[in-house]
């Protein structure tokens, strides 16, 4: 199999992230650094990444976390900020977060050692819905909702159509549900910036059929049997 797929199945990271390790020269095949993403790995080959020998893994684990604000969604951080891995210290298996929530956002974040699942959930072509609760300052008009729902230019890309529903309004704020099928960097914040709206709260509550549920901030749990069935179905498609 291709080396990026091998590393994903070995639980290093998603295929995309594995490619970053390869191109950065952090992966060795039979003692030699390999940077060619088209490299094939045979059963007898020895693959090492950052001094750790990698093996194809079929003992996958799946967790969900209610990420609080003030944490970055990475395994490490060069700015010495708190990472979500600090909240997952009770898990002994090597895991990594699937996708990201930015520093000031909160809510559902998934963790696994299953790189193929990570690839499925983060690829735009999979069209997995991500549901967010968004609270903005002030009001929002029907025309502004139509504008955002149709797709807007956020600088480096035009967003795909999405669903936006007003949940309730208060004197100084509006609570919305936003459902997207992609996950560009700070996408929802950048979308609302195009109509000059300030976000007070941004919280992800669902990914596909996996819900945040009653987890408290900073709390994590294994996926339920129902959620695992959804994972299995997603991977088989």
Foldseek 3Di string as FASTA:
>chain_A
DFPLQQQLQLLNAASVVSLVQLCVQQKDKQRHRHNDRRDDDDPPIWMDGNNRTTDRDPPKFKKKAWAAAFAWQFPDDPVPTHHLVVLVVVDPDDKHWQDTDHRGATAIIMIMSRNLLSNLQADLVNQWKWKKKWKWWDDDDPVLQVVLQCWDCLDPDTFHHWDKDWPDDDPTMTIIMIIGRHDPDVVVCSSVVVVPIGTPHIYIADTRPDGRPPHDHSDMDTDDPVVVVVSVVSSVD
